[in-house]
């Protein structure tokens, strides 16, 4: 399976990366990590941290920087790249136990033709 993981550099996104790495190690899936723009993180620093995590476990994965609207860019990349699955962090829980999705995740869920997995 050809997997695309969208990551913005938040702790939740790096948790999703750890889960995705574990799955890739079990299944042998191909992984590409797409670093999306964020107001709170530096894309180059995020890419360095991703590369370190991948190198530590011996996974050779592509890393791409995507610009513009994060949700739209991920949907376009997933479709253009022929990915089988698009993985994103799974959001937060509200005090009542409901999932709270950020605007990027919501956009991807509503617009992607590619199967989407929320890593929680």
PDB file of N, CA and C in Angstrom:
ATOM      1  N   UNK A   1       0.842  -1.164   0.000  1.00  0.00           N
ATOM      2  CA  UNK A   1       0.000   0.000   0.000  1.00  0.00           C
ATOM      3  C   UNK A   1       0.893   1.233   0.000  1.00  0.00           C
ATOM      4  N   UNK A   2       0.446   2.240  -0.696  1.00  0.00           N
ATOM      5  CA  UNK A   2       1.174   3.492  -0.820  1.00  0.00           C
ATOM      6  C   UNK A   2       0.502   4.520   0.091  1.00  0.00           C
ATOM      7  N   UNK A   3       1.169   4.908   1.179  1.00  0.00           N
ATOM      8  CA  UNK A   3       0.576   5.723   2.238  1.00  0.00           C
ATOM      9  C   UNK A   3       1.179   7.122   2.242  1.00  0.00           C
ATOM     10  N   UNK A   4       0.300   8.114   2.354  1.00  0.00           N
ATOM     11  CA  UNK A   4       0.711   9.509   2.500  1.00  0.00           C
ATOM     12  C   UNK A   4       0.287   9.979   3.881  1.00  0.00           C
ATOM     13  N   UNK A   5       1.231  10.488   4.656  1.00  0.00           N
ATOM     14  CA  UNK A   5       0.941  11.033   5.981  1.00  0.00           C
ATOM     15  C   UNK A   5       1.115  12.538   5.934  1.00  0.00           C
ATOM     16  N   UNK A   6       0.074  13.266   6.313  1.00  0.00           N
ATOM     17  CA  UNK A   6       0.157  14.722   6.417  1.00  0.00           C
ATOM     18  C   UNK A   6       0.548  15.108   7.829  1.00  0.00           C
ATOM     19  N   UNK A   7       1.536  15.997   7.951  1.00  0.00           N
ATOM     20  CA  UNK A   7       2.029  16.374   9.279  1.00  0.00           C
ATOM     21  C   UNK A   7       2.303  17.873   9.303  1.00  0.00           C
ATOM     22  N   UNK A   8       1.877  18.500  10.419  1.00  0.00           N
ATOM     23  CA  UNK A   8       2.074  19.948  10.559  1.00  0.00           C
ATOM     24  C   UNK A   8       3.074  20.302  11.654  1.00  0.00           C
ATOM     25  N   UNK A   9       3.652  19.310  12.292  1.00  0.00           N
ATOM     26  CA  UNK A   9       4.661  19.571  13.304  1.00  0.00           C
ATOM     27  C   UNK A   9       4.137  19.634  14.722  1.00  0.00           C
ATOM     28  N   UNK A  10       2.843  19.444  14.911  1.00  0.00           N
ATOM     29  CA  UNK A  10       2.294  19.421  16.270  1.00  0.00           C
ATOM     30  C   UNK A  10       2.620  18.077  16.934  1.00  0.00           C
ATOM     31  N   UNK A  11       2.480  18.051  18.246  1.00  0.00           N
ATOM     32  CA  UNK A  11       2.721  16.797  18.968  1.00  0.00           C
ATOM     33  C   UNK A  11       1.774  15.696  18.495  1.00  0.00           C
ATOM     34  N   UNK A  12       0.499  16.042  18.263  1.00  0.00           N
ATOM     35  CA  UNK A  12      -0.452  15.042  17.766  1.00  0.00           C
ATOM     36  C   UNK A  12      -0.020  14.493  16.421  1.00  0.00           C
ATOM     37  N   UNK A  13       0.517  15.343  15.555  1.00  0.00           N
ATOM     38  CA  UNK A  13       0.963  14.891  14.241  1.00  0.00           C
ATOM     39  C   UNK A  13       2.163  13.953  14.365  1.00  0.00           C
ATOM     40  N   UNK A  14       3.081  14.251  15.292  1.00  0.00           N
ATOM     41  CA  UNK A  14       4.223  13.354  15.485  1.00  0.00           C
ATOM     42  C   UNK A  14       3.795  12.035  16.118  1.00  0.00           C
ATOM     43  N   UNK A  15       2.739  12.064  16.948  1.00  0.00           N
ATOM     44  CA  UNK A  15       2.183  10.807  17.456  1.00  0.00           C
ATOM     45  C   UNK A  15       1.632   9.969  16.301  1.00  0.00           C
ATOM     46  N   UNK A  16       0.966  10.642  15.363  1.00  0.00           N
ATOM     47  CA  UNK A  16       0.451   9.938  14.185  1.00  0.00           C
ATOM     48  C   UNK A  16       1.599   9.361  13.358  1.00  0.00           C
ATOM     49  N   UNK A  17       2.705  10.102  13.261  1.00  0.00           N
ATOM     50  CA  UNK A  17       3.868   9.593  12.547  1.00  0.00           C
ATOM     51  C   UNK A  17       4.410   8.341  13.221  1.00  0.00           C
ATOM     52  N   UNK A  18       4.496   8.352  14.539  1.00  0.00           N
ATOM     53  CA  UNK A  18       4.988   7.169  15.259  1.00  0.00           C
ATOM     54  C   UNK A  18       4.091   5.956  14.995  1.00  0.00           C
ATOM     55  N   UNK A  19       2.778   6.150  15.028  1.00  0.00           N
ATOM     56  CA  UNK A  19       1.851   5.050  14.756  1.00  0.00           C
ATOM     57  C   UNK A  19       1.993   4.556  13.319  1.00  0.00           C
ATOM     58  N   UNK A  20       2.165   5.502  12.403  1.00  0.00           N
ATOM     59  CA  UNK A  20       2.294   5.140  10.998  1.00  0.00           C
ATOM     60  C   UNK A  20       3.604   4.402  10.750  1.00  0.00           C
ATOM     61  N   UNK A  21       4.672   4.832  11.377  1.00  0.00           N
ATOM     62  CA  UNK A  21       5.951   4.131  11.258  1.00  0.00           C
ATOM     63  C   UNK A  21       5.810   2.693  11.755  1.00  0.00           C
ATOM     64  N   UNK A  22       5.143   2.501  12.883  1.00  0.00           N
ATOM     65  CA  UNK A  22       4.946   1.148  13.415  1.00  0.00           C
ATOM     66  C   UNK A  22       4.192   0.285  12.408  1.00  0.00           C
ATOM     67  N   UNK A  23       3.171   0.850  11.796  1.00  0.00           N
ATOM     68  CA  UNK A  23       2.391   0.095  10.797  1.00  0.00           C
ATOM     69  C   UNK A  23       3.233  -0.222   9.566  1.00  0.00           C
ATOM     70  N   UNK A  24       3.998   0.746   9.102  1.00  0.00           N
ATOM     71  CA  UNK A  24       4.854   0.537   7.929  1.00  0.00           C
ATOM     72  C   UNK A  24       5.875  -0.565   8.201  1.00  0.00           C
ATOM     73  N   UNK A  25       6.411  -0.593   9.395  1.00  0.00           N
ATOM     74  CA  UNK A  25       7.384  -1.635   9.751  1.00  0.00           C
ATOM     75  C   UNK A  25       6.733  -3.014   9.732  1.00  0.00           C
ATOM     76  N   UNK A  26       5.459  -3.103  10.139  1.00  0.00           N
ATOM     77  CA  UNK A  26       4.747  -4.380  10.152  1.00  0.00           C
ATOM     78  C   UNK A  26       4.340  -4.836   8.756  1.00  0.00           C
ATOM     79  N   UNK A  27       3.918  -3.897   7.928  1.00  0.00           N
ATOM     80  CA  UNK A  27       3.297  -4.244   6.652  1.00  0.00           C
ATOM     81  C   UNK A  27       4.204  -4.095   5.444  1.00  0.00           C
ATOM     82  N   UNK A  28       5.253  -3.283   5.579  1.00  0.00           N
ATOM     83  CA  UNK A  28       6.106  -3.024   4.428  1.00  0.00           C
ATOM     84  C   UNK A  28       5.513  -2.007   3.467  1.00  0.00           C
ATOM     85  N   UNK A  29       4.484  -1.277   3.905  1.00  0.00           N
ATOM     86  CA  UNK A  29       3.881  -0.248   3.059  1.00  0.00           C
ATOM     87  C   UNK A  29       4.922   0.796   2.669  1.00  0.00           C
ATOM     88  N   UNK A  30       4.677   1.469   1.549  1.00  0.00           N
ATOM     89  CA  UNK A  30       5.498   2.597   1.135  1.00  0.00           C
ATOM     90  C   UNK A  30       4.941   3.850   1.801  1.00  0.00           C
ATOM     91  N   UNK A  31       5.834   4.689   2.311  1.00  0.00           N
ATOM     92  CA  UNK A  31       5.409   5.877   3.046  1.00  0.00           C
ATOM     93  C   UNK A  31       6.011   7.131   2.440  1.00  0.00           C
ATOM     94  N   UNK A  32       5.159   8.132   2.310  1.00  0.00           N
ATOM     95  CA  UNK A  32       5.590   9.488   1.990  1.00  0.00           C
ATOM     96  C   UNK A  32       5.001  10.393   3.055  1.00  0.00           C
ATOM     97  N   UNK A  33       5.811  11.311   3.560  1.00  0.00           N
ATOM     98  CA  UNK A  33       5.359  12.255   4.585  1.00  0.00           C
ATOM     99  C   UNK A  33       5.284  13.636   3.943  1.00  0.00           C
ATOM    100  N   UNK A  34       4.114  14.249   4.054  1.00  0.00           N
ATOM    101  CA  UNK A  34       3.908  15.587   3.512  1.00  0.00           C
ATOM    102  C   UNK A  34       3.878  16.581   4.659  1.00  0.00           C
ATOM    103  N   UNK A  35       4.816  17.509   4.656  1.00  0.00           N
ATOM    104  CA  UNK A  35       4.895  18.548   5.685  1.00  0.00           C
ATOM    105  C   UNK A  35       4.089  19.742   5.198  1.00  0.00           C
ATOM    106  N   UNK A  36       3.034  20.077   5.936  1.00  0.00           N
ATOM    107  CA  UNK A  36       2.182  21.197   5.554  1.00  0.00           C
ATOM    108  C   UNK A  36       2.567  22.434   6.342  1.00  0.00           C
ATOM    109  N   UNK A  37       2.258  23.581   5.777  1.00  0.00           N
ATOM    110  CA  UNK A  37       2.562  24.850   6.434  1.00  0.00           C
ATOM    111  C   UNK A  37       1.765  24.981   7.720  1.00  0.00           C
ATOM    112  N   UNK A  38       2.381  25.589   8.706  1.00  0.00           N
ATOM    113  CA  UNK A  38       1.727  25.794   9.994  1.00  0.00           C
ATOM    114  C   UNK A  38       2.202  27.112  10.579  1.00  0.00           C
ATOM    115  N   UNK A  39       1.322  27.753  11.313  1.00  0.00           N
ATOM    116  CA  UNK A  39       1.687  29.018  11.958  1.00  0.00           C
ATOM    117  C   UNK A  39       2.592  28.809  13.166  1.00  0.00           C
ATOM    118  N   UNK A  40       2.625  27.583  13.669  1.00  0.00           N
ATOM    119  CA  UNK A  40       3.335  27.342  14.929  1.00  0.00           C
ATOM    120  C   UNK A  40       4.644  26.572  14.777  1.00  0.00           C
ATOM    121  N   UNK A  41       4.951  26.095  13.592  1.00  0.00           N
ATOM    122  CA  UNK A  41       6.176  25.312  13.427  1.00  0.00           C
ATOM    123  C   UNK A  41       6.967  25.751  12.208  1.00  0.00           C
ATOM    124  N   UNK A  42       8.248  25.443  12.226  1.00  0.00           N
ATOM    125  CA  UNK A  42       9.151  25.718  11.126  1.00  0.00           C
ATOM    126  C   UNK A  42       9.228  24.458  10.260  1.00  0.00           C
ATOM    127  N   UNK A  43       8.843  24.520   8.979  1.00  0.00           N
ATOM    128  CA  UNK A  43       8.818  23.321   8.139  1.00  0.00           C
ATOM    129  C   UNK A  43      10.165  22.598   8.031  1.00  0.00           C
ATOM    130  N   UNK A  44      11.260  23.351   8.010  1.00  0.00           N
ATOM    131  CA  UNK A  44      12.570  22.717   7.908  1.00  0.00           C
ATOM    132  C   UNK A  44      12.900  21.937   9.181  1.00  0.00           C
ATOM    133  N   UNK A  45      12.561  22.499  10.336  1.00  0.00           N
ATOM    134  CA  UNK A  45      12.787  21.795  11.603  1.00  0.00           C
ATOM    135  C   UNK A  45      11.913  20.547  11.692  1.00  0.00           C
ATOM    136  N   UNK A  46      10.680  20.657  11.217  1.00  0.00           N
ATOM    137  CA  UNK A  46       9.779  19.493  11.201  1.00  0.00           C
ATOM    138  C   UNK A  46      10.360  18.408  10.310  1.00  0.00           C
ATOM    139  N   UNK A  47      10.845  18.789   9.139  1.00  0.00           N
ATOM    140  CA  UNK A  47      11.430  17.811   8.220  1.00  0.00           C
ATOM    141  C   UNK A  47      12.651  17.135   8.836  1.00  0.00           C
ATOM    142  N   UNK A  48      13.499  17.888   9.531  1.00  0.00           N
ATOM    143  CA  UNK A  48      14.669  17.283  10.185  1.00  0.00           C
ATOM    144  C   UNK A  48      14.242  16.259  11.237  1.00  0.00           C
ATOM    145  N   UNK A  49      13.232  16.611  12.025  1.00  0.00           N
ATOM    146  CA  UNK A  49      12.752  15.682  13.052  1.00  0.00           C
ATOM    147  C   UNK A  49      12.154  14.420  12.423  1.00  0.00           C
ATOM    148  N   UNK A  50      11.419  14.586  11.340  1.00  0.00           N
ATOM    149  CA  UNK A  50      10.856  13.426  10.632  1.00  0.00           C
ATOM    150  C   UNK A  50      11.980  12.541  10.123  1.00  0.00           C
ATOM    151  N   UNK A  51      12.964  13.148   9.472  1.00  0.00           N
ATOM    152  CA  UNK A  51      14.077  12.377   8.906  1.00  0.00           C
ATOM    153  C   UNK A  51      14.800  11.604  10.001  1.00  0.00           C
ATOM    154  N   UNK A  52      15.020  12.224  11.144  1.00  0.00           N
ATOM    155  CA  UNK A  52      15.668  11.547  12.269  1.00  0.00           C
ATOM    156  C   UNK A  52      14.850  10.345  12.723  1.00  0.00           C
ATOM    157  N   UNK A  53      13.533  10.533  12.874  1.00  0.00           N
ATOM    158  CA  UNK A  53      12.672   9.436  13.311  1.00  0.00           C
ATOM    159  C   UNK A  53      12.703   8.282  12.310  1.00  0.00           C
ATOM    160  N   UNK A  54      12.665   8.600  11.034  1.00  0.00           N
ATOM    161  CA  UNK A  54      12.684   7.559  10.002  1.00  0.00           C
ATOM    162  C   UNK A  54      14.039   6.855   9.955  1.00  0.00           C
ATOM    163  N   UNK A  55      15.109   7.618  10.036  1.00  0.00           N
ATOM    164  CA  UNK A  55      16.452   7.041  10.011  1.00  0.00           C
ATOM    165  C   UNK A  55      16.687   6.127  11.210  1.00  0.00           C
ATOM    166  N   UNK A  56      16.150   6.509  12.372  1.00  0.00           N
ATOM    167  CA  UNK A  56      16.336   5.710  13.587  1.00  0.00           C
ATOM    168  C   UNK A  56      15.760   4.307  13.457  1.00  0.00           C
ATOM    169  N   UNK A  57      14.734   4.148  12.634  1.00  0.00           N
ATOM    170  CA  UNK A  57      14.106   2.826  12.470  1.00  0.00           C
ATOM    171  C   UNK A  57      14.404   2.210  11.103  1.00  0.00           C
ATOM    172  N   UNK A  58      15.214   2.893  10.305  1.00  0.00           N
ATOM    173  CA  UNK A  58      15.635   2.329   9.026  1.00  0.00           C
ATOM    174  C   UNK A  58      14.574   2.324   7.946  1.00  0.00           C
ATOM    175  N   UNK A  59      13.676   3.301   7.973  1.00  0.00           N
ATOM    176  CA  UNK A  59      12.645   3.395   6.935  1.00  0.00           C
ATOM    177  C   UNK A  59      13.062   4.466   5.929  1.00  0.00           C
ATOM    178  N   UNK A  60      13.037   4.072   4.659  1.00  0.00           N
ATOM    179  CA  UNK A  60      13.336   5.000   3.584  1.00  0.00           C
ATOM    180  C   UNK A  60      12.014   5.533   3.045  1.00  0.00           C
ATOM    181  N   UNK A  61      11.673   6.757   3.426  1.00  0.00           N
ATOM    182  CA  UNK A  61      10.403   7.347   3.017  1.00  0.00           C
ATOM    183  C   UNK A  61      10.657   8.703   2.385  1.00  0.00           C
ATOM    184  N   UNK A  62       9.807   9.061   1.459  1.00  0.00           N
ATOM    185  CA  UNK A  62       9.889  10.376   0.858  1.00  0.00           C
ATOM    186  C   UNK A  62       9.318  11.425   1.794  1.00  0.00           C
ATOM    187  N   UNK A  63       9.877  12.616   1.731  1.00  0.00           N
ATOM    188  CA  UNK A  63       9.352  13.744   2.497  1.00  0.00           C
ATOM    189  C   UNK A  63       9.138  14.887   1.516  1.00  0.00           C
ATOM    190  N   UNK A  64       7.916  15.428   1.529  1.00  0.00           N
ATOM    191  CA  UNK A  64       7.589  16.535   0.635  1.00  0.00           C
ATOM    192  C   UNK A  64       7.071  17.712   1.441  1.00  0.00           C
ATOM    193  N   UNK A  65       7.476  18.896   1.044  1.00  0.00           N
ATOM    194  CA  UNK A  65       6.939  20.129   1.620  1.00  0.00           C
ATOM    195  C   UNK A  65       5.775  20.562   0.733  1.00  0.00           C
ATOM    196  N   UNK A  66       4.604  20.803   1.328  1.00  0.00           N
ATOM    197  CA  UNK A  66       3.470  21.280   0.546  1.00  0.00           C
ATOM    198  C   UNK A  66       3.112  22.677   1.004  1.00  0.00           C
ATOM    199  N   UNK A  67       2.744  23.507   0.062  1.00  0.00           N
ATOM    200  CA  UNK A  67       2.454  24.902   0.348  1.00  0.00           C
ATOM    201  C   UNK A  67       1.001  25.207   0.054  1.00  0.00           C
ATOM    202  N   UNK A  68       0.545  26.321   0.592  1.00  0.00           N
ATOM    203  CA  UNK A  68      -0.826  26.738   0.358  1.00  0.00           C
ATOM    204  C   UNK A  68      -1.773  26.119   1.366  1.00  0.00           C
ATOM    205  N   UNK A  69      -3.033  26.065   0.997  1.00  0.00           N
ATOM    206  CA  UNK A  69      -4.068  25.496   1.860  1.00  0.00           C
ATOM    207  C   UNK A  69      -3.736  24.040   2.149  1.00  0.00           C
ATOM    208  N   UNK A  70      -3.493  23.725   3.413  1.00  0.00           N
ATOM    209  CA  UNK A  70      -2.999  22.393   3.782  1.00  0.00           C
ATOM    210  C   UNK A  70      -3.934  21.286   3.330  1.00  0.00           C
ATOM    211  N   UNK A  71      -5.227  21.431   3.593  1.00  0.00           N
ATOM    212  CA  UNK A  71      -6.174  20.386   3.207  1.00  0.00           C
ATOM    213  C   UNK A  71      -6.217  20.172   1.714  1.00  0.00           C
ATOM    214  N   UNK A  72      -6.313  21.264   0.971  1.00  0.00           N
ATOM    215  CA  UNK A  72      -6.353  21.167  -0.486  1.00  0.00           C
ATOM    216  C   UNK A  72      -5.081  20.571  -1.057  1.00  0.00           C
ATOM    217  N   UNK A  73      -3.942  20.978  -0.508  1.00  0.00           N
ATOM    218  CA  UNK A  73      -2.661  20.458  -0.986  1.00  0.00           C
ATOM    219  C   UNK A  73      -2.542  18.961  -0.719  1.00  0.00           C
ATOM    220  N   UNK A  74      -3.001  18.507   0.448  1.00  0.00           N
ATOM    221  CA  UNK A  74      -2.930  17.072   0.761  1.00  0.00           C
ATOM    222  C   UNK A  74      -3.848  16.257  -0.141  1.00  0.00           C
ATOM    223  N   UNK A  75      -5.051  16.754  -0.371  1.00  0.00           N
ATOM    224  CA  UNK A  75      -5.992  16.060  -1.254  1.00  0.00           C
ATOM    225  C   UNK A  75      -5.407  15.956  -2.661  1.00  0.00           C
ATOM    226  N   UNK A  76      -4.865  17.066  -3.170  1.00  0.00           N
ATOM    227  CA  UNK A  76      -4.273  17.065  -4.507  1.00  0.00           C
ATOM    228  C   UNK A  76      -3.084  16.117  -4.593  1.00  0.00           C
ATOM    229  N   UNK A  77      -2.206  16.154  -3.600  1.00  0.00           N
ATOM    230  CA  UNK A  77      -1.031  15.289  -3.605  1.00  0.00           C
ATOM    231  C   UNK A  77      -1.441  13.825  -3.551  1.00  0.00           C
ATOM    232  N   UNK A  78      -2.412  13.501  -2.719  1.00  0.00           N
ATOM    233  CA  UNK A  78      -2.872  12.108  -2.592  1.00  0.00           C
ATOM    234  C   UNK A  78      -3.424  11.598  -3.912  1.00  0.00           C
ATOM    235  N   UNK A  79      -4.190  12.422  -4.593  1.00  0.00           N
ATOM    236  CA  UNK A  79      -4.781  12.003  -5.860  1.00  0.00           C
ATOM    237  C   UNK A  79      -3.742  11.959  -6.977  1.00  0.00           C
ATOM    238  N   UNK A  80      -2.910  12.986  -7.076  1.00  0.00           N
ATOM    239  CA  UNK A  80      -1.901  13.042  -8.135  1.00  0.00           C
ATOM    240  C   UNK A  80      -0.843  11.965  -7.962  1.00  0.00           C
ATOM    241  N   UNK A  81      -0.526  11.625  -6.705  1.00  0.00           N
ATOM    242  CA  UNK A  81       0.506  10.635  -6.431  1.00  0.00           C
ATOM    243  C   UNK A  81       0.015   9.207  -6.428  1.00  0.00           C
ATOM    244  N   UNK A  82      -1.275   9.013  -6.621  1.00  0.00           N
ATOM    245  CA  UNK A  82      -1.818   7.662  -6.652  1.00  0.00           C
ATOM    246  C   UNK A  82      -1.735   6.942  -5.304  1.00  0.00           C
ATOM    247  N   UNK A  83      -1.853   7.680  -4.218  1.00  0.00           N
ATOM    248  CA  UNK A  83      -1.751   7.069  -2.898  1.00  0.00           C
ATOM    249  C   UNK A  83      -3.021   6.269  -2.588  1.00  0.00           C
ATOM    250  N   UNK A  84      -2.848   5.169  -1.868  1.00  0.00           N
ATOM    251  CA  UNK A  84      -3.970   4.327  -1.465  1.00  0.00           C
ATOM    252  C   UNK A  84      -4.634   4.831  -0.193  1.00  0.00           C
ATOM    253  N   UNK A  85      -3.869   5.515   0.617  1.00  0.00           N
ATOM    254  CA  UNK A  85      -4.388   5.959   1.915  1.00  0.00           C
ATOM    255  C   UNK A  85      -3.705   7.265   2.305  1.00  0.00           C
ATOM    256  N   UNK A  86      -4.506   8.145   2.919  1.00  0.00           N
ATOM    257  CA  UNK A  86      -4.022   9.412   3.443  1.00  0.00           C
ATOM    258  C   UNK A  86      -4.236   9.379   4.951  1.00  0.00           C
ATOM    259  N   UNK A  87      -3.173   9.562   5.716  1.00  0.00           N
ATOM    260  CA  UNK A  87      -3.239   9.474   7.175  1.00  0.00           C
ATOM    261  C   UNK A  87      -3.021  10.858   7.778  1.00  0.00           C
ATOM    262  N   UNK A  88      -3.860  11.182   8.763  1.00  0.00           N
ATOM    263  CA  UNK A  88      -3.751  12.439   9.499  1.00  0.00           C
ATOM    264  C   UNK A  88      -3.908  12.150  10.979  1.00  0.00           C
ATOM    265  N   UNK A  89      -3.476  13.108  11.813  1.00  0.00           N
ATOM    266  CA  UNK A  89      -3.714  12.912  13.243  1.00  0.00           C
ATOM    267  C   UNK A  89      -5.216  12.957  13.494  1.00  0.00           C
ATOM    268  N   UNK A  90      -5.650  12.291  14.544  1.00  0.00           N
ATOM    269  CA  UNK A  90      -7.076  12.084  14.771  1.00  0.00           C
ATOM    270  C   UNK A  90      -7.799  13.128  15.572  1.00  0.00           C
ATOM    271  N   UNK A  91      -7.229  14.285  15.756  1.00  0.00           N
ATOM    272  CA  UNK A  91      -7.923  15.336  16.482  1.00  0.00           C
ATOM    273  C   UNK A  91      -7.889  15.137  17.984  1.00  0.00           C
ATOM    274  N   UNK A  92      -8.686  15.933  18.654  1.00  0.00           N
ATOM    275  CA  UNK A  92      -8.755  15.913  20.115  1.00  0.00           C
ATOM    276  C   UNK A  92     -10.149  15.474  20.537  1.00  0.00           C
ATOM    277  N   UNK A  93     -10.259  15.085  21.790  1.00  0.00           N
ATOM    278  CA  UNK A  93     -11.573  14.767  22.370  1.00  0.00           C
ATOM    279  C   UNK A  93     -12.084  15.978  23.149  1.00  0.00           C
ATOM    280  N   UNK A  94     -13.375  16.234  23.015  1.00  0.00           N
ATOM    281  CA  UNK A  94     -14.013  17.271  23.813  1.00  0.00           C
ATOM    282  C   UNK A  94     -14.294  16.701  25.203  1.00  0.00           C
ATOM    283  N   UNK A  95     -14.656  17.532  26.159  1.00  0.00           N
ATOM    284  CA  UNK A  95     -14.989  17.006  27.490  1.00  0.00           C
ATOM    285  C   UNK A  95     -16.136  15.984  27.470  1.00  0.00           C
ATOM    286  N   UNK A  96     -16.984  16.053  26.459  1.00  0.00           N
ATOM    287  CA  UNK A  96     -18.083  15.084  26.356  1.00  0.00           C
ATOM    288  C   UNK A  96     -17.710  13.845  25.564  1.00  0.00           C
ATOM    289  N   UNK A  97     -16.442  13.762  25.132  1.00  0.00           N
ATOM    290  CA  UNK A  97     -15.966  12.563  24.453  1.00  0.00           C
ATOM    291  C   UNK A  97     -16.065  12.588  22.940  1.00  0.00           C
ATOM    292  N   UNK A  98     -16.520  13.679  22.361  1.00  0.00           N
ATOM    293  CA  UNK A  98     -16.625  13.778  20.905  1.00  0.00           C
ATOM    294  C   UNK A  98     -15.273  14.167  20.327  1.00  0.00           C
ATOM    295  N   UNK A  99     -15.067  13.800  19.066  1.00  0.00           N
ATOM    296  CA  UNK A  99     -13.818  14.153  18.397  1.00  0.00           C
ATOM    297  C   UNK A  99     -13.933  15.572  17.858  1.00  0.00           C
ATOM    298  N   UNK A 100     -12.915  16.384  18.138  1.00  0.00           N
ATOM    299  CA  UNK A 100     -12.841  17.734  17.605  1.00  0.00           C
ATOM    300  C   UNK A 100     -11.765  17.731  16.520  1.00  0.00           C
ATOM    301  N   UNK A 101     -12.172  18.004  15.290  1.00  0.00           N
ATOM    302  CA  UNK A 101     -11.245  18.002  14.165  1.00  0.00           C
ATOM    303  C   UNK A 101     -10.813  19.420  13.834  1.00  0.00           C
ATOM    304  N   UNK A 102      -9.557  19.545  13.421  1.00  0.00           N
ATOM    305  CA  UNK A 102      -9.114  20.864  12.976  1.00  0.00           C
ATOM    306  C   UNK A 102      -9.612  21.088  11.542  1.00  0.00           C
ATOM    307  N   UNK A 103      -9.566  22.318  11.048  1.00  0.00           N
ATOM    308  CA  UNK A 103     -10.099  22.612   9.714  1.00  0.00           C
ATOM    309  C   UNK A 103      -9.434  21.809   8.595  1.00  0.00           C
ATOM    310  N   UNK A 104      -8.139  21.528   8.707  1.00  0.00           N
ATOM    311  CA  UNK A 104      -7.453  20.751   7.674  1.00  0.00           C
ATOM    312  C   UNK A 104      -8.006  19.338   7.610  1.00  0.00           C
ATOM    313  N   UNK A 105      -8.133  18.695   8.758  1.00  0.00           N
ATOM    314  CA  UNK A 105      -8.646  17.326   8.790  1.00  0.00           C
ATOM    315  C   UNK A 105     -10.074  17.280   8.276  1.00  0.00           C
ATOM    316  N   UNK A 106     -10.882  18.229   8.689  1.00  0.00           N
ATOM    317  CA  UNK A 106     -12.269  18.272   8.225  1.00  0.00           C
ATOM    318  C   UNK A 106     -12.328  18.432   6.708  1.00  0.00           C
ATOM    319  N   UNK A 107     -11.506  19.319   6.153  1.00  0.00           N
ATOM    320  CA  UNK A 107     -11.480  19.529   4.709  1.00  0.00           C
ATOM    321  C   UNK A 107     -11.101  18.240   3.982  1.00  0.00           C
ATOM    322  N   UNK A 108     -10.065  17.575   4.467  1.00  0.00           N
ATOM    323  CA  UNK A 108      -9.607  16.340   3.828  1.00  0.00           C
ATOM    324  C   UNK A 108     -10.702  15.280   3.873  1.00  0.00           C
ATOM    325  N   UNK A 109     -11.324  15.102   5.020  1.00  0.00           N
ATOM    326  CA  UNK A 109     -12.389  14.099   5.144  1.00  0.00           C
ATOM    327  C   UNK A 109     -13.542  14.366   4.182  1.00  0.00           C
ATOM    328  N   UNK A 110     -13.868  15.623   3.991  1.00  0.00           N
ATOM    329  CA  UNK A 110     -14.996  15.974   3.129  1.00  0.00           C
ATOM    330  C   UNK A 110     -14.662  15.963   1.639  1.00  0.00           C
ATOM    331  N   UNK A 111     -13.385  16.075   1.286  1.00  0.00           N
ATOM    332  CA  UNK A 111     -13.036  16.266  -0.123  1.00  0.00           C
ATOM    333  C   UNK A 111     -12.159  15.193  -0.745  1.00  0.00           C
ATOM    334  N   UNK A 112     -11.541  14.340   0.028  1.00  0.00           N
ATOM    335  CA  UNK A 112     -10.596  13.367  -0.527  1.00  0.00           C
ATOM    336  C   UNK A 112     -11.321  12.204  -1.193  1.00  0.00           C
ATOM    337  N   UNK A 113     -10.837  11.826  -2.345  1.00  0.00           N
ATOM    338  CA  UNK A 113     -11.280  10.596  -3.014  1.00  0.00           C
ATOM    339  C   UNK A 113     -10.493   9.409  -2.461  1.00  0.00           C
ATOM    340  N   UNK A 114      -9.317   9.692  -1.936  1.00  0.00           N
ATOM    341  CA  UNK A 114      -8.449   8.676  -1.339  1.00  0.00           C
ATOM    342  C   UNK A 114      -8.996   8.311   0.040  1.00  0.00           C
ATOM    343  N   UNK A 115      -8.856   7.056   0.436  1.00  0.00           N
ATOM    344  CA  UNK A 115      -9.261   6.641   1.782  1.00  0.00           C
ATOM    345  C   UNK A 115      -8.453   7.414   2.815  1.00  0.00           C
ATOM    346  N   UNK A 116      -9.131   7.854   3.874  1.00  0.00           N
ATOM    347  CA  UNK A 116      -8.490   8.652   4.914  1.00  0.00           C
ATOM    348  C   UNK A 116      -8.536   7.881   6.232  1.00  0.00           C
ATOM    349  N   UNK A 117      -7.398   7.852   6.924  1.00  0.00           N
ATOM    350  CA  UNK A 117      -7.314   7.241   8.244  1.00  0.00           C
ATOM    351  C   UNK A 117      -6.905   8.313   9.243  1.00  0.00           C
ATOM    352  N   UNK A 118      -7.629   8.369  10.355  1.00  0.00           N
ATOM    353  CA  UNK A 118      -7.261   9.268  11.443  1.00  0.00           C
ATOM    354  C   UNK A 118      -6.512   8.449  12.481  1.00  0.00           C
ATOM    355  N   UNK A 119      -5.240   8.769  12.683  1.00  0.00           N
ATOM    356  CA  UNK A 119      -4.405   8.045  13.647  1.00  0.00           C
ATOM    357  C   UNK A 119      -4.612   8.664  15.012  1.00  0.00           C
ATOM    358  N   UNK A 120      -5.069   7.839  15.957  1.00  0.00           N
ATOM    359  CA  UNK A 120      -5.347   8.339  17.309  1.00  0.00           C
ATOM    360  C   UNK A 120      -4.600   7.510  18.305  1.00  0.00           C
TER     361      UNK A 120
END
